[in-house]
Amino acid sequence: MSPEELRGFCLSFNAAVEDFPFNPETSVFKVLGKMFALTSLGGRPLTVNLKCDPDDAIRLRADHPGLIVPGWHMNKRHWNTVTVDGGPAGELPDRLVRELVEDSYDLVVAGLPRAERLRLDRP
């Protein structure tokens, strides 16, 4: 997955926006003000921090050593750093990366107040 594809996919979700609160190189993708993905789109290898269910996070790290690791500068229990475009440990399938981004978005939305979740469901 290219940086452009990752950016486009993150922005394809309902009410998703890109923000740069830390510096101009670090993209933070949010839904209603809550972060679901953090990446440096110019970084090599391309990595993205994604929210994850704690049990799934442990399993994913074991299944994909070196490609999915505890979230860098994040709560290691709830966030993973995912290597998107390969690196020394190999490459993840684009389908898996998309599923992980979508899961992150869904977890953040699930934590929003009910009124905000309902607002997202409206066309």
Protein backbone atom coordinates (compact mmCIF):
# COMPACT_ATOMS: atom_id res chain seq x y z
CA MET A 1 0.00 0.00 0.00
CA SER A 2 1.37 3.36 -0.98
CA PRO A 3 1.27 6.48 1.22
CA GLU A 4 -1.40 7.96 -1.08
CA GLU A 5 -3.54 4.81 -0.81
CA LEU A 6 -3.22 4.79 2.98
CA ARG A 7 -4.19 8.47 3.20
CA GLY A 8 -7.15 7.98 0.85
CA PHE A 9 -8.38 4.95 2.75
CA CYS A 10 -8.18 6.72 6.12
CA LEU A 11 -10.14 9.66 4.70
CA SER A 12 -12.79 7.39 3.14
CA PHE A 13 -14.49 6.81 6.49
CA ASN A 14 -17.52 8.82 7.55
CA ALA A 15 -16.47 12.16 9.17
CA ALA A 16 -12.75 11.29 8.96
CA VAL A 17 -10.35 14.23 8.73
CA GLU A 18 -6.60 14.66 8.51
CA ASP A 19 -4.92 16.92 11.05
CA PHE A 20 -1.30 17.94 11.77
CA PRO A 21 -1.20 18.74 15.51
CA PHE A 22 2.42 17.66 16.05
CA ASN A 23 4.29 18.78 12.93
CA PRO A 24 3.70 19.11 9.17
CA GLU A 25 5.10 15.62 8.50
CA THR A 26 2.85 13.67 10.89
CA SER A 27 -0.69 12.99 9.68
CA VAL A 28 -3.26 12.32 12.37
CA PHE A 29 -6.54 10.90 11.13
CA LYS A 30 -9.50 11.61 13.40
CA VAL A 31 -13.22 10.99 13.61
CA LEU A 32 -15.13 13.67 15.52
CA GLY A 33 -11.91 14.83 17.17
CA LYS A 34 -10.69 11.36 18.23
CA MET A 35 -7.56 9.87 16.67
CA PHE A 36 -7.77 6.49 14.91
CA ALA A 37 -4.52 6.57 12.88
CA LEU A 38 -1.18 8.37 13.11
CA THR A 39 1.51 8.19 10.43
CA SER A 40 4.36 9.96 8.73
CA LEU A 41 3.35 9.45 5.10
CA GLY A 42 6.87 10.27 3.95
CA GLY A 43 8.49 7.75 6.30
CA ARG A 44 10.37 4.71 5.01
CA PRO A 45 9.30 2.13 5.75
CA LEU A 46 5.76 3.47 5.93
CA THR A 47 4.25 2.77 9.34
CA VAL A 48 0.94 3.69 10.95
CA ASN A 49 -0.16 3.61 14.59
CA LEU A 50 -3.61 2.05 14.92
CA LYS A 51 -5.92 1.45 17.86
CA CYS A 52 -6.53 -2.24 18.53
CA ASP A 53 -8.42 -4.48 20.91
CA PRO A 54 -5.81 -5.57 23.51
CA ASP A 55 -6.32 -9.31 22.91
CA ASP A 56 -6.15 -8.87 19.14
CA ALA A 57 -3.06 -6.68 19.52
CA ILE A 58 -1.14 -9.48 21.23
CA ARG A 59 -2.23 -12.05 18.63
CA LEU A 60 -1.36 -9.78 15.69
CA ARG A 61 2.11 -9.08 17.12
CA ALA A 62 2.74 -12.81 17.49
CA ASP A 63 1.42 -13.60 13.98
CA HIS A 64 3.41 -10.80 12.29
CA PRO A 65 6.67 -10.30 14.23
CA GLY A 66 8.57 -7.22 13.14
CA LEU A 67 5.64 -5.92 11.07
CA ILE A 68 3.13 -5.35 13.88
CA VAL A 69 4.69 -4.15 17.13
CA PRO A 70 3.50 -2.30 20.26
CA GLY A 71 2.49 1.27 19.41
CA TRP A 72 5.46 3.62 19.28
CA HIS A 73 4.90 6.52 21.73
CA MET A 74 1.39 5.17 22.40
CA ASN A 75 -0.38 3.07 25.02
CA LYS A 76 1.20 -0.29 24.15
CA ARG A 77 -1.86 -2.22 25.30
CA HIS A 78 -4.30 -0.47 22.95
CA TRP A 79 -2.15 0.65 20.01
CA ASN A 80 0.00 -1.15 17.44
CA THR A 81 2.55 0.23 15.02
CA VAL A 82 1.93 -1.47 11.68
CA THR A 83 4.56 -1.53 8.92
CA VAL A 84 2.50 -0.87 5.80
CA ASP A 85 4.92 -1.11 2.86
CA GLY A 86 7.35 -3.76 3.96
CA GLY A 87 10.70 -3.53 5.55
CA PRO A 88 13.27 -5.98 6.84
CA ALA A 89 10.58 -8.36 8.14
CA GLY A 90 8.61 -8.61 4.87
CA GLU A 91 5.27 -7.12 3.88
CA LEU A 92 1.69 -7.30 5.09
CA PRO A 93 -1.13 -7.89 2.59
CA ASP A 94 -3.00 -4.67 1.71
CA ARG A 95 -6.25 -6.42 2.71
CA LEU A 96 -4.95 -6.92 6.27
CA VAL A 97 -3.76 -3.30 6.52
CA ARG A 98 -7.21 -2.12 5.40
CA GLU A 99 -8.89 -4.36 8.00
CA LEU A 100 -6.63 -3.00 10.76
CA VAL A 101 -7.35 0.62 9.80
CA GLU A 102 -11.09 -0.10 9.67
CA ASP A 103 -10.95 -1.87 13.06
CA SER A 104 -9.16 1.14 14.54
CA TYR A 105 -11.81 3.52 13.17
CA ASP A 106 -14.61 1.26 14.46
CA LEU A 107 -13.07 1.04 17.96
CA VAL A 108 -12.83 4.82 18.18
CA VAL A 109 -16.40 5.29 16.94
CA ALA A 110 -17.64 2.71 19.45
CA GLY A 111 -16.13 4.83 22.23
CA LEU A 112 -17.94 8.00 21.16
CA PRO A 113 -21.05 9.17 23.00
CA ARG A 114 -24.27 7.68 21.63
CA ALA A 115 -25.49 10.99 20.19
CA GLU A 116 -22.28 11.38 18.16
CA ARG A 117 -22.45 7.76 16.93
CA LEU A 118 -26.02 8.34 15.78
CA ARG A 119 -24.98 11.53 14.01
CA LEU A 120 -22.37 9.51 12.07
CA ASP A 121 -25.05 7.07 10.88
CA ARG A 122 -27.12 9.80 9.22
CA PRO A 123 -26.62 10.26 5.47
